[in-house]
Amino acid sequence: MLTKVLTDQELVDRYIAGHEQAFETLLHRHKRKVWSHIYLMVRDREATEDLFQETFIKVVNTLKGGRYNEEGKFLPWVMRIAHNLVIDHFRRGKKMPTVRSHDDHDVFATIAQPGQNVEQRMVNVQIDEDVRKLIEHLPEEQREVVVMRTYLGMSFKEIAEHTGVSINTALGRMRYALINMRKLIRKHEMQMHRA
């Protein structure tokens, strides 16, 4: 009963002092918000579970290692850890989030589009792949905004909140990303003409 009225900082202090139940209270208090934050970015239940666990393993290791110094800002600190792990998740191996159906086929490759034959759908899949490759060449901050906007369908307000910048900055990053992608396309076309 007593732990319910304790602040996050008091619970952190108790956990560091060896009261394991204090961490359970913190986890119970914030798990829905952290899980939702991760899910909003990856839109995949399995990946969300993995990243959620990874987040709290990192939290525990930091607290136990005596490296926690975010007094009074426990939740924003945990959210930052989760956010960084999501970005790392997209960076390593999974470059861009993909939409998969339950039987692990690429949904975009099989969506029947009116008036499109198999060849047209294959061309669309190739275009999607080319766009993903272009996005990989963008600076990190621009790539992050493009992924959130294009693949996760987030509003610029949501992107601004998740990245900790103003809406104007998020819009600016998107604008520069599009300019850079156009430059990359032109450069690629020039290289193809020379070949």
Protein backbone atom coordinates (compact mmCIF):
# COMPACT_ATOMS: atom_id res chain seq x y z
CA MET A 1 0.00 0.00 0.00
CA LEU A 2 2.77 2.41 0.98
CA THR A 3 4.68 2.02 -2.31
CA LYS A 4 1.70 3.34 -4.31
CA VAL A 5 2.17 6.84 -2.92
CA LEU A 6 5.96 6.92 -3.35
CA THR A 7 7.41 9.03 -6.17
CA ASP A 8 9.43 7.41 -8.95
CA GLN A 9 12.60 8.83 -7.44
CA GLU A 10 11.80 7.35 -4.01
CA LEU A 11 11.14 3.98 -5.65
CA VAL A 12 14.43 4.21 -7.59
CA ASP A 13 16.28 5.00 -4.36
CA ARG A 14 14.64 2.04 -2.60
CA TYR A 15 15.47 -0.31 -5.49
CA ILE A 16 19.11 0.82 -5.51
CA ALA A 17 19.15 0.22 -1.74
CA GLY A 18 18.12 -3.41 -2.37
CA HIS A 19 14.31 -3.41 -2.19
CA GLU A 20 13.46 -5.46 -5.30
CA GLN A 21 9.72 -4.83 -4.98
CA ALA A 22 10.29 -1.11 -5.59
CA PHE A 23 11.30 -1.94 -9.16
CA GLU A 24 8.17 -4.06 -9.65
CA THR A 25 6.11 -1.03 -8.63
CA LEU A 26 7.97 1.20 -11.11
CA LEU A 27 7.54 -1.37 -13.87
CA HIS A 28 3.83 -1.78 -13.13
CA ARG A 29 3.36 2.00 -13.04
CA HIS A 30 4.99 2.69 -16.42
CA LYS A 31 4.86 -0.50 -18.48
CA ARG A 32 1.77 0.44 -20.52
CA LYS A 33 3.17 3.83 -21.52
CA VAL A 34 6.62 2.43 -22.45
CA TRP A 35 5.13 -0.54 -24.33
CA SER A 36 2.78 1.76 -26.29
CA HIS A 37 5.62 4.13 -27.14
CA ILE A 38 7.66 1.26 -28.61
CA TYR A 39 4.69 -0.29 -30.41
CA LEU A 40 3.74 3.03 -31.98
CA MET A 41 7.16 3.12 -33.64
CA VAL A 42 7.67 -0.52 -34.67
CA ARG A 43 4.05 -1.67 -35.19
CA ASP A 44 5.05 -5.27 -34.53
CA ARG A 45 4.03 -7.10 -31.35
CA GLU A 46 6.98 -9.50 -31.23
CA ALA A 47 9.57 -6.76 -31.83
CA THR A 48 7.80 -4.56 -29.26
CA GLU A 49 8.04 -7.31 -26.62
CA ASP A 50 11.76 -7.80 -27.34
CA LEU A 51 12.51 -4.08 -27.26
CA PHE A 52 10.40 -3.59 -24.12
CA GLN A 53 12.41 -6.30 -22.31
CA GLU A 54 15.68 -4.90 -23.66
CA THR A 55 14.69 -1.44 -22.37
CA PHE A 56 14.08 -2.66 -18.83
CA ILE A 57 17.20 -4.85 -18.82
CA LYS A 58 19.16 -1.69 -19.65
CA VAL A 59 17.27 0.23 -16.92
CA VAL A 60 18.07 -2.46 -14.32
CA ASN A 61 21.74 -2.64 -15.36
CA THR A 62 22.09 1.15 -15.16
CA LEU A 63 20.38 1.33 -11.76
CA LYS A 64 22.33 -1.64 -10.34
CA GLY A 65 25.57 -0.27 -11.79
CA GLY A 66 25.07 3.03 -9.95
CA ARG A 67 25.06 5.02 -13.20
CA TYR A 68 21.57 6.51 -12.87
CA ASN A 69 21.62 10.30 -12.48
CA GLU A 70 18.27 11.46 -13.88
CA GLU A 71 16.77 12.55 -10.56
CA GLY A 72 13.07 13.21 -10.81
CA LYS A 73 12.95 12.26 -14.50
CA PHE A 74 12.64 8.46 -14.42
CA LEU A 75 9.92 8.04 -17.08
CA PRO A 76 11.46 10.43 -19.66
CA TRP A 77 14.78 8.64 -19.13
CA VAL A 78 13.20 5.21 -19.71
CA MET A 79 11.37 6.55 -22.81
CA ARG A 80 14.68 7.85 -24.18
CA ILE A 81 16.28 4.43 -23.68
CA ALA A 82 13.32 2.76 -25.44
CA HIS A 83 13.43 5.29 -28.29
CA ASN A 84 17.18 4.76 -28.82
CA LEU A 85 16.74 0.98 -28.82
CA VAL A 86 14.01 1.28 -31.48
CA ILE A 87 16.34 3.38 -33.66
CA ASP A 88 19.12 0.78 -33.15
CA HIS A 89 16.62 -1.96 -34.04
CA PHE A 90 15.93 -0.32 -37.43
CA ARG A 91 19.61 0.38 -37.97
CA ARG A 92 20.83 -3.17 -37.47
CA GLY A 93 19.53 -5.62 -40.02
CA LYS A 94 15.97 -4.42 -40.25
CA LYS A 95 16.89 -1.08 -41.88
CA MET A 96 13.28 -0.12 -42.61
CA PRO A 97 10.16 -1.37 -40.86
CA THR A 98 8.26 -3.80 -43.03
CA VAL A 99 4.63 -4.77 -42.83
CA ARG A 100 4.26 -8.52 -42.54
CA SER A 101 1.18 -10.65 -42.37
CA HIS A 102 0.83 -13.47 -39.87
CA ASP A 103 2.30 -16.05 -42.28
CA ASP A 104 5.43 -13.90 -42.84
CA HIS A 105 4.84 -12.85 -46.46
CA ASP A 106 5.52 -9.29 -47.51
CA VAL A 107 2.05 -7.75 -47.61
CA PHE A 108 3.05 -5.12 -50.17
CA ALA A 109 4.17 -7.81 -52.60
CA THR A 110 0.80 -9.55 -52.62
CA ILE A 111 -1.75 -6.76 -52.32
CA ALA A 112 -4.01 -7.01 -55.34
CA GLN A 113 -4.29 -3.54 -56.79
CA PRO A 114 -7.10 -2.85 -59.25
CA GLY A 115 -5.96 -2.98 -62.86
CA GLN A 116 -2.48 -4.25 -62.01
CA ASN A 117 -1.07 -7.47 -63.38
CA VAL A 118 1.75 -9.49 -61.82
CA GLU A 119 4.41 -7.57 -63.75
CA GLN A 120 3.11 -4.19 -62.52
CA ARG A 121 3.05 -5.45 -58.95
CA MET A 122 6.64 -6.69 -59.29
CA VAL A 123 7.66 -3.25 -60.57
CA ASN A 124 5.97 -1.65 -57.52
CA VAL A 125 7.84 -4.01 -55.18
CA GLN A 126 11.11 -3.03 -56.90
CA ILE A 127 10.27 0.68 -56.55
CA ASP A 128 9.54 0.14 -52.84
CA GLU A 129 12.92 -1.59 -52.46
CA ASP A 130 14.69 1.25 -54.32
CA VAL A 131 13.05 3.84 -52.05
CA ARG A 132 14.17 1.90 -48.97
CA LYS A 133 17.75 1.91 -50.28
CA LEU A 134 17.58 5.67 -50.88
CA ILE A 135 16.35 6.24 -47.32
CA GLU A 136 19.31 4.28 -45.96
CA HIS A 137 21.67 6.88 -47.48
CA LEU A 138 20.05 9.79 -45.64
CA PRO A 139 21.58 11.38 -42.53
CA GLU A 140 20.21 9.71 -39.39
CA GLU A 141 17.91 12.55 -38.29
CA GLN A 142 16.32 12.79 -41.76
CA ARG A 143 16.01 9.00 -42.09
CA GLU A 144 14.28 8.81 -38.70
CA VAL A 145 11.62 11.38 -39.74
CA VAL A 146 11.03 9.68 -43.13
CA VAL A 147 10.60 6.26 -41.49
CA MET A 148 8.19 7.60 -38.87
CA ARG A 149 6.15 9.58 -41.43
CA THR A 150 6.14 7.18 -44.39
CA TYR A 151 6.28 3.73 -42.84
CA LEU A 152 4.70 4.31 -39.44
CA GLY A 153 2.14 6.91 -40.57
CA MET A 154 2.95 9.24 -37.69
CA SER A 155 1.87 12.90 -37.80
CA PHE A 156 4.53 15.60 -37.65
CA LYS A 157 3.24 16.46 -34.17
CA GLU A 158 3.85 12.84 -33.05
CA ILE A 159 7.28 12.82 -34.74
CA ALA A 160 8.19 16.07 -32.98
CA GLU A 161 7.14 14.62 -29.59
CA HIS A 162 9.00 11.33 -30.12
CA THR A 163 12.21 12.96 -31.32
CA GLY A 164 12.14 15.87 -28.87
CA VAL A 165 12.19 18.61 -31.53
CA SER A 166 9.73 21.27 -32.69
CA ILE A 167 7.20 20.52 -35.44
CA ASN A 168 9.05 22.98 -37.69
CA THR A 169 12.30 21.08 -37.19
CA ALA A 170 10.57 17.77 -38.00
CA LEU A 171 9.06 19.34 -41.15
CA GLY A 172 12.46 20.76 -42.10
CA ARG A 173 14.13 17.37 -41.72
CA MET A 174 11.48 15.81 -43.96
CA ARG A 175 11.97 18.56 -46.55
CA TYR A 176 15.77 18.10 -46.57
CA ALA A 177 15.32 14.32 -46.75
CA LEU A 178 13.21 14.70 -49.90
CA ILE A 179 15.76 17.10 -51.42
CA ASN A 180 18.58 14.65 -50.65
CA MET A 181 16.62 11.72 -52.09
CA ARG A 182 16.03 13.68 -55.33
CA LYS A 183 19.79 14.41 -55.51
CA LEU A 184 20.57 10.71 -55.01
CA ILE A 185 18.13 9.76 -57.78
CA ARG A 186 19.69 12.30 -60.18
CA LYS A 187 23.19 11.07 -59.31
CA HIS A 188 22.12 7.47 -59.88
CA GLU A 189 20.52 8.36 -63.24
CA MET A 190 23.73 10.12 -64.36
CA GLN A 191 25.80 7.08 -63.41
CA MET A 192 23.44 4.83 -65.40
CA HIS A 193 23.69 7.09 -68.49
CA ARG A 194 27.50 6.94 -68.34
CA ALA A 195 27.49 3.13 -68.11
